[in-house]
Amino acid sequence: MSPPTAPDHVRSLRERGYTVFERAYDDAEVGRLTETMTRLHALAGRPECYSREPKRLAPEIELCTTGLVFYKFIKRCPEHADLIVRPPIAEAIRGYVGQDVELELTGAVVADAHRPFFAWHTHIGGIDDSKYRHAGLWPRFDEPQRLMTLLYVQDLTGENGPLLVYPRRVQEPTAPPHDLSAVDWPGQIELQVPRGSVVLMDQCTWHAVRPKTSPGLRSFIGCYFRSPKSPPTEWTDESLRGFVGGGDLLQSLLPRQ
């Protein structure tokens, strides 16, 4: 069977709310990222990677329910800027969001077995998702406005915190279809993917993460890509404007205003 094409990935995003690029990065590239995630964890003092209440450990480093979060990943680790996006992935992103799509945020997340089940949530509004969730606002979108990419540095297995995704089409309602406290939803898809894989997910797609039951770290590089038509967020990554590394492809995706 031939690998999926960009139109295949765009179709999956429109019909299911997500798509997967398996093994988008080779072992050497993933090895570089593994070393970086280990270094960042050590830089933060090797904490248990979970906190019910947000704790600022250092500028742009936070411990929270997501795990150990490092904001502005490109600024912090410019040596990895060339790994942020690959041509086939960029083609799918542009085919889904639009040719004028922009990279909005980059970050790294490190989790471990201390993080419990990560309950069902979306990323409507990107970094502002909690504002919509707490207000009970569930806007509907005629066309895609934002998606996220998740580059997994370790294998996602049954013991390493598989990702649960609830499929939805672009124009379907965005309100929670089931109980947010439920561990499983009928119709969910459990994603177990090899390291170096990238999951693309629409901002409105409901997803959750099973707890990690094995030792070690579970980490990923996350990015938001947005249409210029989407509302501005309360916080933006100003370090992306004027960034000079990463090659022509990344440069073509950086904010232009």
Protein backbone atom coordinates (compact mmCIF):
# COMPACT_ATOMS: atom_id res chain seq x y z
CA MET A 1 0.00 0.00 0.00
CA SER A 2 1.39 3.39 -0.98
CA PRO A 3 1.82 6.03 1.77
CA PRO A 4 -0.92 8.65 2.18
CA THR A 5 -0.62 11.76 0.01
CA ALA A 6 -1.18 15.35 1.12
CA PRO A 7 -4.80 15.25 -0.17
CA ASP A 8 -5.31 12.06 1.86
CA HIS A 9 -4.13 13.81 5.01
CA VAL A 10 -6.29 16.87 4.28
CA ARG A 11 -9.29 14.61 3.74
CA SER A 12 -8.61 12.87 7.07
CA LEU A 13 -8.42 16.23 8.85
CA ARG A 14 -11.69 17.39 7.32
CA GLU A 15 -13.54 14.12 7.93
CA ARG A 16 -12.01 12.93 11.22
CA GLY A 17 -10.34 16.00 12.74
CA TYR A 18 -6.87 14.48 12.78
CA THR A 19 -4.25 12.70 10.70
CA VAL A 20 -0.98 10.91 11.41
CA PHE A 21 2.41 11.08 9.68
CA GLU A 22 4.10 7.93 10.92
CA ARG A 23 7.90 8.03 11.31
CA ALA A 24 8.19 11.49 9.79
CA TYR A 25 11.64 11.76 11.44
CA ASP A 26 14.43 9.22 11.37
CA ASP A 27 16.22 7.65 14.33
CA ALA A 28 19.11 10.11 14.27
CA GLU A 29 16.77 13.10 14.33
CA VAL A 30 14.66 11.60 17.09
CA GLY A 31 17.84 10.83 18.99
CA ARG A 32 18.77 14.52 18.90
CA LEU A 33 15.35 15.44 20.25
CA THR A 34 15.55 12.76 22.96
CA GLU A 35 18.83 14.22 24.20
CA THR A 36 17.28 17.68 24.23
CA MET A 37 14.20 16.58 26.19
CA THR A 38 16.44 14.87 28.75
CA ARG A 39 18.55 18.02 29.00
CA LEU A 40 15.53 20.28 29.43
CA HIS A 41 14.15 18.02 32.16
CA ALA A 42 17.51 18.19 33.95
CA LEU A 43 17.64 21.97 33.46
CA ALA A 44 14.33 22.26 35.32
CA GLY A 45 15.70 20.21 38.23
CA ARG A 46 14.27 16.81 37.16
CA PRO A 47 10.90 17.41 38.80
CA GLU A 48 7.96 15.05 38.87
CA CYS A 49 6.23 16.12 35.66
CA TYR A 50 2.79 17.03 36.96
CA SER A 51 1.19 19.65 39.18
CA ARG A 52 -2.53 20.31 39.77
CA GLU A 53 -1.73 23.98 40.34
CA PRO A 54 0.48 25.77 37.79
CA LYS A 55 3.99 26.50 39.07
CA ARG A 56 6.42 28.79 37.28
CA LEU A 57 9.84 27.16 37.66
CA ALA A 58 11.76 29.70 35.56
CA PRO A 59 11.02 32.15 32.76
CA GLU A 60 8.98 30.27 30.12
CA ILE A 61 9.11 26.98 32.09
CA GLU A 62 5.94 25.82 33.84
CA LEU A 63 4.83 22.75 35.76
CA CYS A 64 1.08 22.10 35.39
CA THR A 65 -1.54 19.45 34.60
CA THR A 66 -0.10 19.12 31.08
CA GLY A 67 3.32 18.24 32.50
CA LEU A 68 6.60 20.12 32.40
CA VAL A 69 6.09 22.76 29.72
CA PHE A 70 8.79 24.73 27.91
CA TYR A 71 7.37 27.68 25.98
CA LYS A 72 8.99 29.26 22.92
CA PHE A 73 10.79 26.08 21.88
CA ILE A 74 12.44 27.60 18.79
CA LYS A 75 13.86 30.46 20.84
CA ARG A 76 15.13 28.02 23.48
CA CYS A 77 16.42 25.38 21.04
CA PRO A 78 17.13 27.05 17.68
CA GLU A 79 19.32 24.10 16.69
CA HIS A 80 16.08 22.13 16.17
CA ALA A 81 14.28 24.74 14.09
CA ASP A 82 14.80 22.66 10.95
CA LEU A 83 12.78 19.84 12.56
CA ILE A 84 9.66 21.89 13.27
CA VAL A 85 7.96 21.00 9.99
CA ARG A 86 8.67 18.82 6.96
CA PRO A 87 7.52 19.52 3.37
CA PRO A 88 4.78 16.83 3.28
CA ILE A 89 3.43 18.04 6.63
CA ALA A 90 3.53 21.68 5.55
CA GLU A 91 1.67 20.74 2.36
CA ALA A 92 -1.08 19.10 4.41
CA ILE A 93 -1.27 22.05 6.82
CA ARG A 94 -1.61 24.50 3.93
CA GLY A 95 -4.12 22.29 2.19
CA TYR A 96 -6.24 22.26 5.31
CA VAL A 97 -5.91 25.74 6.86
CA GLY A 98 -4.93 27.71 3.74
CA GLN A 99 -1.84 28.81 1.85
CA ASP A 100 -1.44 31.86 4.10
CA VAL A 101 -1.24 29.76 7.30
CA GLU A 102 1.24 30.96 9.94
CA LEU A 103 3.17 29.26 12.71
CA GLU A 104 1.69 30.66 15.91
CA LEU A 105 3.46 28.96 18.84
CA THR A 106 6.05 26.29 19.56
CA GLY A 107 6.66 24.45 22.80
CA ALA A 108 7.91 21.23 24.36
CA VAL A 109 6.12 19.08 26.95
CA VAL A 110 7.68 16.44 29.17
CA ALA A 111 5.44 14.09 31.18
CA ASP A 112 5.96 10.97 33.26
CA ALA A 113 3.99 8.42 35.28
CA HIS A 114 3.02 11.06 37.85
CA ARG A 115 0.54 12.60 35.42
CA PRO A 116 -2.88 10.93 35.74
CA PHE A 117 -5.43 10.50 32.97
CA PHE A 118 -5.42 13.75 30.98
CA ALA A 119 -9.14 14.39 30.60
CA TRP A 120 -10.97 15.18 27.39
CA HIS A 121 -10.34 18.65 25.99
CA THR A 122 -9.97 20.67 22.81
CA HIS A 123 -7.71 23.56 21.82
CA ILE A 124 -10.32 25.99 20.52
CA GLY A 125 -8.59 29.36 20.45
CA GLY A 126 -5.15 27.81 20.72
CA ILE A 127 -3.42 29.15 23.81
CA ASP A 128 -6.77 30.65 24.90
CA ASP A 129 -8.55 27.29 25.05
CA SER A 130 -9.24 27.48 28.81
CA LYS A 131 -11.08 30.78 28.31
CA TYR A 132 -13.57 29.11 25.99
CA ARG A 133 -13.86 25.98 28.13
CA HIS A 134 -14.46 27.80 31.42
CA ALA A 135 -17.04 30.08 29.81
CA GLY A 136 -18.82 27.15 28.16
CA LEU A 137 -18.36 28.71 24.72
CA TRP A 138 -18.41 26.26 21.84
CA PRO A 139 -18.15 28.22 18.58
CA ARG A 140 -18.69 26.44 15.28
CA PHE A 141 -16.48 26.99 12.26
CA ASP A 142 -17.41 26.75 8.59
CA GLU A 143 -13.76 26.34 7.65
CA PRO A 144 -10.60 25.36 9.55
CA GLN A 145 -8.86 28.19 11.38
CA ARG A 146 -6.21 26.51 13.50
CA LEU A 147 -4.52 23.17 13.99
CA MET A 148 -1.82 21.75 16.21
CA THR A 149 1.04 19.40 15.45
CA LEU A 150 2.44 16.91 17.97
CA LEU A 151 5.87 15.45 17.21
CA TYR A 152 6.33 12.49 19.56
CA VAL A 153 9.85 11.86 20.76
CA GLN A 154 9.07 8.45 22.31
CA ASP A 155 6.85 5.61 21.12
CA LEU A 156 3.20 5.97 22.08
CA THR A 157 2.33 2.52 23.43
CA GLY A 158 -0.26 1.18 25.84
CA GLU A 159 2.22 1.75 28.68
CA ASN A 160 3.53 5.12 27.50
CA GLY A 161 0.30 7.12 27.42
CA PRO A 162 -1.55 6.54 24.13
CA LEU A 163 -3.54 9.43 22.68
CA LEU A 164 -7.32 9.14 22.52
CA VAL A 165 -9.09 11.05 19.74
CA TYR A 166 -12.82 11.52 19.10
CA PRO A 167 -13.34 11.90 15.33
CA ARG A 168 -15.38 14.85 14.04
CA ARG A 169 -15.96 16.65 10.74
CA VAL A 170 -15.04 20.29 10.24
CA GLN A 171 -18.55 21.76 10.46
CA GLU A 172 -19.90 19.54 13.24
CA PRO A 173 -20.74 20.95 16.70
CA THR A 174 -17.79 21.61 19.01
CA ALA A 175 -19.51 21.15 22.39
CA PRO A 176 -18.47 18.03 24.34
CA PRO A 177 -20.43 15.05 22.98
CA HIS A 178 -19.96 12.96 26.14
CA ASP A 179 -19.11 13.26 29.83
CA LEU A 180 -15.76 15.02 30.23
CA SER A 181 -14.95 12.96 33.32
CA ALA A 182 -15.37 9.65 31.49
CA VAL A 183 -12.18 7.74 30.83
CA ASP A 184 -13.52 6.33 27.57
CA TRP A 185 -15.93 7.72 24.97
CA PRO A 186 -17.88 5.54 22.56
CA GLY A 187 -16.36 5.88 19.11
CA GLN A 188 -12.95 7.06 20.33
CA ILE A 189 -9.76 6.13 18.47
CA GLU A 190 -6.68 5.12 20.45
CA LEU A 191 -3.47 6.20 18.72
CA GLN A 192 -0.32 4.21 19.34
CA VAL A 193 2.40 5.51 17.05
CA PRO A 194 6.17 5.01 16.79
CA ARG A 195 8.58 7.71 17.87
CA GLY A 196 9.24 10.37 15.27
CA SER A 197 5.59 10.38 14.24
CA VAL A 198 3.56 13.59 13.97
CA VAL A 199 -0.15 13.92 14.75
CA LEU A 200 -2.02 16.84 13.16
CA MET A 201 -5.24 17.80 14.92
CA ASP A 202 -7.86 20.47 14.38
CA GLN A 203 -8.37 22.89 17.28
CA CYS A 204 -11.93 21.60 17.77
CA THR A 205 -11.09 17.89 17.97
CA TRP A 206 -11.72 16.34 21.39
CA HIS A 207 -8.84 14.25 22.71
CA ALA A 208 -7.45 12.81 25.93
CA VAL A 209 -4.35 10.92 27.06
CA ARG A 210 -4.16 7.71 29.05
CA PRO A 211 -1.70 7.79 31.99
CA LYS A 212 1.83 6.58 31.47
CA THR A 213 2.47 3.39 33.45
CA SER A 214 6.09 2.80 32.49
CA PRO A 215 9.22 4.54 33.82
CA GLY A 216 11.00 7.31 31.94
CA LEU A 217 9.79 10.35 30.05
CA ARG A 218 7.02 10.91 27.53
CA SER A 219 7.72 14.05 25.51
CA PHE A 220 6.64 15.89 22.41
CA ILE A 221 7.20 19.10 20.47
CA GLY A 222 3.93 20.93 19.91
CA CYS A 223 3.06 23.73 17.50
CA TYR A 224 -0.01 25.78 16.66
CA PHE A 225 -0.61 26.87 13.07
CA ARG A 226 -3.32 29.47 12.45
CA SER A 227 -5.14 31.20 9.65
CA PRO A 228 -4.76 35.00 9.66
CA LYS A 229 -8.57 35.01 9.72
CA SER A 230 -8.63 33.52 13.23
CA PRO A 231 -9.09 35.87 16.20
CA PRO A 232 -5.85 37.03 17.87
CA THR A 233 -4.95 35.32 21.13
CA GLU A 234 -4.20 36.98 24.46
CA TRP A 235 -0.58 35.81 24.32
CA THR A 236 1.66 35.49 21.28
CA ASP A 237 5.20 34.24 20.76
CA GLU A 238 6.96 37.40 19.63
CA SER A 239 10.24 35.47 19.26
CA LEU A 240 8.93 33.94 16.01
CA ARG A 241 8.90 37.34 14.33
CA GLY A 242 12.32 37.98 12.91
CA PHE A 243 13.65 34.47 13.63
CA VAL A 244 16.31 33.80 11.00
CA GLY A 245 16.97 30.03 11.24
CA GLY A 246 15.25 26.84 10.23
CA GLY A 247 15.52 27.04 6.45
CA ASP A 248 13.26 28.37 3.71
CA LEU A 249 10.24 26.23 4.59
CA LEU A 250 10.07 27.37 8.19
CA GLN A 251 10.72 30.95 7.14
CA SER A 252 7.74 30.79 4.78
CA LEU A 253 5.50 29.85 7.72
CA LEU A 254 6.61 32.46 10.23
CA PRO A 255 4.28 35.37 11.12
CA ARG A 256 4.44 38.09 8.52
CA GLN A 257 3.06 41.05 10.47
